[in-house]
Amino acid sequence: MRLCDCAAGKLYMIRTVTAEETIVRRLEALGLVEGTKVHILMKKQDGSLIAAFQGTRLALGKKIAGAIEAEDCEEHGR
């Protein structure tokens, strides 16, 4: 599922990021890479959200959050 479709208050693991190269590089520099566990702190109806990972909080707009594929960690027991 896309990160913009994820529920607030849950833990997810990043699978892939399929955005423009500059955005992918910026997210990598922040530590948002494949295998990173992300906790969705808050989500708006428009798909934008605030996520916490590796001691960082990051606001993501719908376009970027929609380019990030994630899986539910709680379903897989991780």
PDB file of N, CA and C in Angstrom:
ATOM      1  N   MET A   1       0.828  -1.176   0.000  1.00  0.00           N
ATOM      2  CA  MET A   1       0.000   0.000   0.000  1.00  0.00           C
ATOM      3  C   MET A   1       0.877   1.245   0.000  1.00  0.00           C
ATOM      4  N   ARG A   2       0.300   2.336  -0.436  1.00  0.00           N
ATOM      5  CA  ARG A   2       1.041   3.596  -0.443  1.00  0.00           C
ATOM      6  C   ARG A   2       1.002   4.211   0.950  1.00  0.00           C
ATOM      7  N   LEU A   3       2.032   4.944   1.305  1.00  0.00           N
ATOM      8  CA  LEU A   3       2.119   5.545   2.631  1.00  0.00           C
ATOM      9  C   LEU A   3       0.962   6.522   2.875  1.00  0.00           C
ATOM     10  N   CYS A   4       0.486   7.201   1.835  1.00  0.00           N
ATOM     11  CA  CYS A   4      -0.633   8.135   2.008  1.00  0.00           C
ATOM     12  C   CYS A   4      -1.935   7.414   2.340  1.00  0.00           C
ATOM     13  N   ASP A   5      -1.994   6.101   2.137  1.00  0.00           N
ATOM     14  CA  ASP A   5      -3.180   5.308   2.447  1.00  0.00           C
ATOM     15  C   ASP A   5      -3.087   4.638   3.820  1.00  0.00           C
ATOM     16  N   CYS A   6      -1.964   4.793   4.488  1.00  0.00           N
ATOM     17  CA  CYS A   6      -1.744   4.145   5.785  1.00  0.00           C
ATOM     18  C   CYS A   6      -2.507   4.868   6.893  1.00  0.00           C
ATOM     19  N   ALA A   7      -2.767   4.147   7.964  1.00  0.00           N
ATOM     20  CA  ALA A   7      -3.540   4.693   9.088  1.00  0.00           C
ATOM     21  C   ALA A   7      -2.624   5.333  10.130  1.00  0.00           C
ATOM     22  N   ALA A   8      -3.119   6.387  10.745  1.00  0.00           N
ATOM     23  CA  ALA A   8      -2.382   7.054  11.822  1.00  0.00           C
ATOM     24  C   ALA A   8      -2.310   6.123  13.038  1.00  0.00           C
ATOM     25  N   GLY A   9      -1.186   6.190  13.738  1.00  0.00           N
ATOM     26  CA  GLY A   9      -1.004   5.403  14.949  1.00  0.00           C
ATOM     27  C   GLY A   9      -0.455   4.017  14.711  1.00  0.00           C
ATOM     28  N   LYS A  10      -0.140   3.672  13.481  1.00  0.00           N
ATOM     29  CA  LYS A  10       0.363   2.328  13.175  1.00  0.00           C
ATOM     30  C   LYS A  10       1.804   2.382  12.673  1.00  0.00           C
ATOM     31  N   LEU A  11       2.445   1.236  12.722  1.00  0.00           N
ATOM     32  CA  LEU A  11       3.837   1.088  12.301  1.00  0.00           C
ATOM     33  C   LEU A  11       3.897   0.393  10.944  1.00  0.00           C
ATOM     34  N   TYR A  12       4.707   0.943  10.053  1.00  0.00           N
ATOM     35  CA  TYR A  12       4.854   0.404   8.700  1.00  0.00           C
ATOM     36  C   TYR A  12       6.329   0.273   8.346  1.00  0.00           C
ATOM     37  N   MET A  13       6.634  -0.589   7.379  1.00  0.00           N
ATOM     38  CA  MET A  13       7.994  -0.737   6.872  1.00  0.00           C
ATOM     39  C   MET A  13       8.013  -0.305   5.413  1.00  0.00           C
ATOM     40  N   ILE A  14       8.984   0.532   5.078  1.00  0.00           N
ATOM     41  CA  ILE A  14       9.125   1.021   3.709  1.00  0.00           C
ATOM     42  C   ILE A  14       9.608  -0.110   2.809  1.00  0.00           C
ATOM     43  N   ARG A  15       8.931  -0.280   1.679  1.00  0.00           N
ATOM     44  CA  ARG A  15       9.305  -1.284   0.679  1.00  0.00           C
ATOM     45  C   ARG A  15      10.067  -0.625  -0.468  1.00  0.00           C
ATOM     46  N   THR A  16       9.473   0.391  -1.087  1.00  0.00           N
ATOM     47  CA  THR A  16      10.122   1.082  -2.212  1.00  0.00           C
ATOM     48  C   THR A  16       9.716   2.549  -2.231  1.00  0.00           C
ATOM     49  N   VAL A  17      10.558   3.355  -2.876  1.00  0.00           N
ATOM     50  CA  VAL A  17      10.248   4.761  -3.103  1.00  0.00           C
ATOM     51  C   VAL A  17      10.388   4.994  -4.607  1.00  0.00           C
ATOM     52  N   THR A  18       9.286   5.414  -5.245  1.00  0.00           N
ATOM     53  CA  THR A  18       9.281   5.593  -6.701  1.00  0.00           C
ATOM     54  C   THR A  18       8.926   7.028  -7.057  1.00  0.00           C
ATOM     55  N   ALA A  19       9.747   7.951  -6.620  1.00  0.00           N
ATOM     56  CA  ALA A  19       9.549   9.377  -6.897  1.00  0.00           C
ATOM     57  C   ALA A  19      10.658   9.859  -7.833  1.00  0.00           C
ATOM     58  N   GLU A  20      10.647  11.159  -8.110  1.00  0.00           N
ATOM     59  CA  GLU A  20      11.719  11.748  -8.899  1.00  0.00           C
ATOM     60  C   GLU A  20      13.048  11.489  -8.196  1.00  0.00           C
ATOM     61  N   GLU A  21      14.105  11.394  -8.968  1.00  0.00           N
ATOM     62  CA  GLU A  21      15.426  11.062  -8.433  1.00  0.00           C
ATOM     63  C   GLU A  21      15.870  12.015  -7.328  1.00  0.00           C
ATOM     64  N   THR A  22      15.607  13.304  -7.480  1.00  0.00           N
ATOM     65  CA  THR A  22      16.023  14.267  -6.450  1.00  0.00           C
ATOM     66  C   THR A  22      15.271  14.035  -5.140  1.00  0.00           C
ATOM     67  N   ILE A  23      13.996  13.675  -5.230  1.00  0.00           N
ATOM     68  CA  ILE A  23      13.214  13.395  -4.029  1.00  0.00           C
ATOM     69  C   ILE A  23      13.695  12.113  -3.367  1.00  0.00           C
ATOM     70  N   VAL A  24      13.965  11.098  -4.175  1.00  0.00           N
ATOM     71  CA  VAL A  24      14.466   9.829  -3.636  1.00  0.00           C
ATOM     72  C   VAL A  24      15.786  10.054  -2.905  1.00  0.00           C
ATOM     73  N   ARG A  25      16.681  10.820  -3.495  1.00  0.00           N
ATOM     74  CA  ARG A  25      17.981  11.099  -2.863  1.00  0.00           C
ATOM     75  C   ARG A  25      17.812  11.868  -1.554  1.00  0.00           C
ATOM     76  N   ARG A  26      16.896  12.823  -1.533  1.00  0.00           N
ATOM     77  CA  ARG A  26      16.650  13.600  -0.314  1.00  0.00           C
ATOM     78  C   ARG A  26      16.087  12.707   0.796  1.00  0.00           C
ATOM     79  N   LEU A  27      15.139  11.844   0.452  1.00  0.00           N
ATOM     80  CA  LEU A  27      14.579  10.923   1.442  1.00  0.00           C
ATOM     81  C   LEU A  27      15.644   9.948   1.948  1.00  0.00           C
ATOM     82  N   GLU A  28      16.511   9.494   1.054  1.00  0.00           N
ATOM     83  CA  GLU A  28      17.615   8.624   1.468  1.00  0.00           C
ATOM     84  C   GLU A  28      18.530   9.344   2.448  1.00  0.00           C
ATOM     85  N   ALA A  29      18.822  10.608   2.174  1.00  0.00           N
ATOM     86  CA  ALA A  29      19.692  11.390   3.062  1.00  0.00           C
ATOM     87  C   ALA A  29      19.064  11.553   4.447  1.00  0.00           C
ATOM     88  N   LEU A  30      17.741  11.569   4.503  1.00  0.00           N
ATOM     89  CA  LEU A  30      17.036  11.681   5.782  1.00  0.00           C
ATOM     90  C   LEU A  30      16.898  10.334   6.490  1.00  0.00           C
ATOM     91  N   GLY A  31      17.222   9.250   5.780  1.00  0.00           N
ATOM     92  CA  GLY A  31      17.144   7.921   6.366  1.00  0.00           C
ATOM     93  C   GLY A  31      15.894   7.155   6.013  1.00  0.00           C
ATOM     94  N   LEU A  32      15.091   7.680   5.120  1.00  0.00           N
ATOM     95  CA  LEU A  32      13.861   7.014   4.708  1.00  0.00           C
ATOM     96  C   LEU A  32      14.164   6.131   3.503  1.00  0.00           C
ATOM     97  N   VAL A  33      14.604   4.916   3.773  1.00  0.00           N
ATOM     98  CA  VAL A  33      15.019   3.972   2.741  1.00  0.00           C
ATOM     99  C   VAL A  33      14.283   2.649   2.932  1.00  0.00           C
ATOM    100  N   GLU A  34      14.442   1.758   1.985  1.00  0.00           N
ATOM    101  CA  GLU A  34      13.827   0.440   2.062  1.00  0.00           C
ATOM    102  C   GLU A  34      14.200  -0.241   3.379  1.00  0.00           C
ATOM    103  N   GLY A  35      13.197  -0.774   4.057  1.00  0.00           N
ATOM    104  CA  GLY A  35      13.428  -1.470   5.321  1.00  0.00           C
ATOM    105  C   GLY A  35      13.277  -0.595   6.557  1.00  0.00           C
ATOM    106  N   THR A  36      13.143   0.720   6.366  1.00  0.00           N
ATOM    107  CA  THR A  36      12.973   1.635   7.498  1.00  0.00           C
ATOM    108  C   THR A  36      11.572   1.477   8.079  1.00  0.00           C
ATOM    109  N   LYS A  37      11.492   1.397   9.407  1.00  0.00           N
ATOM    110  CA  LYS A  37      10.196   1.339  10.080  1.00  0.00           C
ATOM    111  C   LYS A  37       9.732   2.763  10.349  1.00  0.00           C
ATOM    112  N   VAL A  38       8.473   3.028   9.987  1.00  0.00           N
ATOM    113  CA  VAL A  38       7.897   4.365  10.077  1.00  0.00           C
ATOM    114  C   VAL A  38       6.612   4.301  10.890  1.00  0.00           C
ATOM    115  N   HIS A  39       6.503   5.188  11.866  1.00  0.00           N
ATOM    116  CA  HIS A  39       5.272   5.297  12.655  1.00  0.00           C
ATOM    117  C   HIS A  39       4.509   6.517  12.164  1.00  0.00           C
ATOM    118  N   ILE A  40       3.273   6.323  11.720  1.00  0.00           N
ATOM    119  CA  ILE A  40       2.454   7.435  11.242  1.00  0.00           C
ATOM    120  C   ILE A  40       1.846   8.128  12.463  1.00  0.00           C
ATOM    121  N   LEU A  41       2.261   9.354  12.713  1.00  0.00           N
ATOM    122  CA  LEU A  41       1.800  10.090  13.885  1.00  0.00           C
ATOM    123  C   LEU A  41       0.462  10.773  13.650  1.00  0.00           C
ATOM    124  N   MET A  42       0.322  11.392  12.482  1.00  0.00           N
ATOM    125  CA  MET A  42      -0.893  12.131  12.166  1.00  0.00           C
ATOM    126  C   MET A  42      -1.132  12.082  10.667  1.00  0.00           C
ATOM    127  N   LYS A  43      -2.384  12.022  10.287  1.00  0.00           N
ATOM    128  CA  LYS A  43      -2.719  11.972   8.866  1.00  0.00           C
ATOM    129  C   LYS A  43      -3.916  12.868   8.602  1.00  0.00           C
ATOM    130  N   LYS A  44      -3.839  13.639   7.526  1.00  0.00           N
ATOM    131  CA  LYS A  44      -4.952  14.480   7.106  1.00  0.00           C
ATOM    132  C   LYS A  44      -5.750  13.755   6.030  1.00  0.00           C
ATOM    133  N   GLN A  45      -6.963  14.194   5.810  1.00  0.00           N
ATOM    134  CA  GLN A  45      -7.827  13.573   4.809  1.00  0.00           C
ATOM    135  C   GLN A  45      -7.282  13.712   3.399  1.00  0.00           C
ATOM    136  N   ASP A  46      -6.474  14.750   3.155  1.00  0.00           N
ATOM    137  CA  ASP A  46      -5.940  14.951   1.810  1.00  0.00           C
ATOM    138  C   ASP A  46      -4.760  14.034   1.491  1.00  0.00           C
ATOM    139  N   GLY A  47      -4.330  13.194   2.441  1.00  0.00           N
ATOM    140  CA  GLY A  47      -3.241  12.253   2.207  1.00  0.00           C
ATOM    141  C   GLY A  47      -1.901  12.700   2.748  1.00  0.00           C
ATOM    142  N   SER A  48      -1.785  13.960   3.174  1.00  0.00           N
ATOM    143  CA  SER A  48      -0.529  14.405   3.782  1.00  0.00           C
ATOM    144  C   SER A  48      -0.449  13.832   5.191  1.00  0.00           C
ATOM    145  N   LEU A  49       0.776  13.700   5.707  1.00  0.00           N
ATOM    146  CA  LEU A  49       0.943  13.052   7.001  1.00  0.00           C
ATOM    147  C   LEU A  49       2.216  13.495   7.699  1.00  0.00           C
ATOM    148  N   ILE A  50       2.307  13.147   8.973  1.00  0.00           N
ATOM    149  CA  ILE A  50       3.526  13.334   9.749  1.00  0.00           C
ATOM    150  C   ILE A  50       3.968  11.945  10.189  1.00  0.00           C
ATOM    151  N   ALA A  51       5.213  11.619   9.878  1.00  0.00           N
ATOM    152  CA  ALA A  51       5.755  10.304  10.192  1.00  0.00           C
ATOM    153  C   ALA A  51       6.994  10.443  11.072  1.00  0.00           C
ATOM    154  N   ALA A  52       7.195   9.462  11.936  1.00  0.00           N
ATOM    155  CA  ALA A  52       8.380   9.418  12.789  1.00  0.00           C
ATOM    156  C   ALA A  52       9.192   8.181  12.423  1.00  0.00           C
ATOM    157  N   PHE A  53      10.506   8.374  12.286  1.00  0.00           N
ATOM    158  CA  PHE A  53      11.413   7.263  12.000  1.00  0.00           C
ATOM    159  C   PHE A  53      12.813   7.667  12.420  1.00  0.00           C
ATOM    160  N   GLN A  54      13.548   6.742  12.971  1.00  0.00           N
ATOM    161  CA  GLN A  54      14.940   6.951  13.372  1.00  0.00           C
ATOM    162  C   GLN A  54      15.146   8.251  14.140  1.00  0.00           C
ATOM    163  N   GLY A  55      14.235   8.564  15.071  1.00  0.00           N
ATOM    164  CA  GLY A  55      14.377   9.761  15.884  1.00  0.00           C
ATOM    165  C   GLY A  55      14.032  11.057  15.195  1.00  0.00           C
ATOM    166  N   THR A  56      13.441  10.981  14.001  1.00  0.00           N
ATOM    167  CA  THR A  56      13.094  12.160  13.215  1.00  0.00           C
ATOM    168  C   THR A  56      11.598  12.193  12.943  1.00  0.00           C
ATOM    169  N   ARG A  57      11.027  13.387  12.928  1.00  0.00           N
ATOM    170  CA  ARG A  57       9.648  13.569  12.496  1.00  0.00           C
ATOM    171  C   ARG A  57       9.689  14.307  11.164  1.00  0.00           C
ATOM    172  N   LEU A  58       8.875  13.845  10.237  1.00  0.00           N
ATOM    173  CA  LEU A  58       8.891  14.416   8.895  1.00  0.00           C
ATOM    174  C   LEU A  58       7.473  14.572   8.379  1.00  0.00           C
ATOM    175  N   ALA A  59       7.151  15.760   7.875  1.00  0.00           N
ATOM    176  CA  ALA A  59       5.860  15.999   7.227  1.00  0.00           C
ATOM    177  C   ALA A  59       6.014  15.673   5.746  1.00  0.00           C
ATOM    178  N   LEU A  60       5.098  14.887   5.222  1.00  0.00           N
ATOM    179  CA  LEU A  60       5.113  14.501   3.819  1.00  0.00           C
ATOM    180  C   LEU A  60       3.798  14.888   3.170  1.00  0.00           C
ATOM    181  N   GLY A  61       3.882  15.505   2.016  1.00  0.00           N
ATOM    182  CA  GLY A  61       2.690  15.824   1.244  1.00  0.00           C
ATOM    183  C   GLY A  61       2.166  14.575   0.556  1.00  0.00           C
ATOM    184  N   LYS A  62       0.966  14.670   0.021  1.00  0.00           N
ATOM    185  CA  LYS A  62       0.327  13.523  -0.615  1.00  0.00           C
ATOM    186  C   LYS A  62       1.142  12.981  -1.795  1.00  0.00           C
ATOM    187  N   LYS A  63       1.728  13.867  -2.583  1.00  0.00           N
ATOM    188  CA  LYS A  63       2.490  13.429  -3.758  1.00  0.00           C
ATOM    189  C   LYS A  63       3.662  12.537  -3.354  1.00  0.00           C
ATOM    190  N   ILE A  64       4.427  12.958  -2.363  1.00  0.00           N
ATOM    191  CA  ILE A  64       5.582  12.168  -1.924  1.00  0.00           C
ATOM    192  C   ILE A  64       5.115  10.929  -1.156  1.00  0.00           C
ATOM    193  N   ALA A  65       4.135  11.097  -0.265  1.00  0.00           N
ATOM    194  CA  ALA A  65       3.628   9.945   0.487  1.00  0.00           C
ATOM    195  C   ALA A  65       3.021   8.900  -0.445  1.00  0.00           C
ATOM    196  N   GLY A  66       2.468   9.347  -1.566  1.00  0.00           N
ATOM    197  CA  GLY A  66       1.904   8.424  -2.542  1.00  0.00           C
ATOM    198  C   GLY A  66       2.959   7.681  -3.343  1.00  0.00           C
ATOM    199  N   ALA A  67       4.177   8.170  -3.337  1.00  0.00           N
ATOM    200  CA  ALA A  67       5.268   7.531  -4.075  1.00  0.00           C
ATOM    201  C   ALA A  67       6.039   6.523  -3.222  1.00  0.00           C
ATOM    202  N   ILE A  68       5.623   6.375  -1.966  1.00  0.00           N
ATOM    203  CA  ILE A  68       6.305   5.466  -1.040  1.00  0.00           C
ATOM    204  C   ILE A  68       5.418   4.260  -0.778  1.00  0.00           C
ATOM    205  N   GLU A  69       5.917   3.080  -1.120  1.00  0.00           N
ATOM    206  CA  GLU A  69       5.192   1.838  -0.865  1.00  0.00           C
ATOM    207  C   GLU A  69       5.627   1.301   0.496  1.00  0.00           C
ATOM    208  N   ALA A  70       4.649   0.861   1.295  1.00  0.00           N
ATOM    209  CA  ALA A  70       4.934   0.367   2.640  1.00  0.00           C
ATOM    210  C   ALA A  70       4.074  -0.852   2.929  1.00  0.00           C
ATOM    211  N   GLU A  71       4.484  -1.606   3.945  1.00  0.00           N
ATOM    212  CA  GLU A  71       3.679  -2.723   4.418  1.00  0.00           C
ATOM    213  C   GLU A  71       3.482  -2.586   5.911  1.00  0.00           C
ATOM    214  N   ASP A  72       2.384  -3.119   6.399  1.00  0.00           N
ATOM    215  CA  ASP A  72       2.018  -3.040   7.801  1.00  0.00           C
ATOM    216  C   ASP A  72       2.915  -3.969   8.624  1.00  0.00           C
ATOM    217  N   CYS A  73       3.701  -3.418   9.525  1.00  0.00           N
ATOM    218  CA  CYS A  73       4.597  -4.222  10.365  1.00  0.00           C
ATOM    219  C   CYS A  73       3.815  -5.036  11.380  1.00  0.00           C
ATOM    220  N   GLU A  74       2.712  -4.499  11.870  1.00  0.00           N
ATOM    221  CA  GLU A  74       1.948  -5.176  12.906  1.00  0.00           C
ATOM    222  C   GLU A  74       1.286  -6.436  12.390  1.00  0.00           C
ATOM    223  N   GLU A  75       0.914  -6.465  11.117  1.00  0.00           N
ATOM    224  CA  GLU A  75       0.307  -7.666  10.518  1.00  0.00           C
ATOM    225  C   GLU A  75       1.331  -8.780  10.395  1.00  0.00           C
ATOM    226  N   HIS A  76       2.588  -8.421  10.191  1.00  0.00           N
ATOM    227  CA  HIS A  76       3.640  -9.414   9.982  1.00  0.00           C
ATOM    228  C   HIS A  76       4.409  -9.726  11.252  1.00  0.00           C
ATOM    229  N   GLY A  77       4.021  -9.118  12.364  1.00  0.00           N
ATOM    230  CA  GLY A  77       4.661  -9.407  13.636  1.00  0.00           C
ATOM    231  C   GLY A  77       6.065  -8.866  13.783  1.00  0.00           C
ATOM    232  N   ARG A  78       6.384  -7.773  13.098  1.00  0.00           N
ATOM    233  CA  ARG A  78       7.731  -7.210  13.150  1.00  0.00           C
ATOM    234  C   ARG A  78       7.801  -6.085  14.134  1.00  0.00           C
TER     235      ARG A  78
END
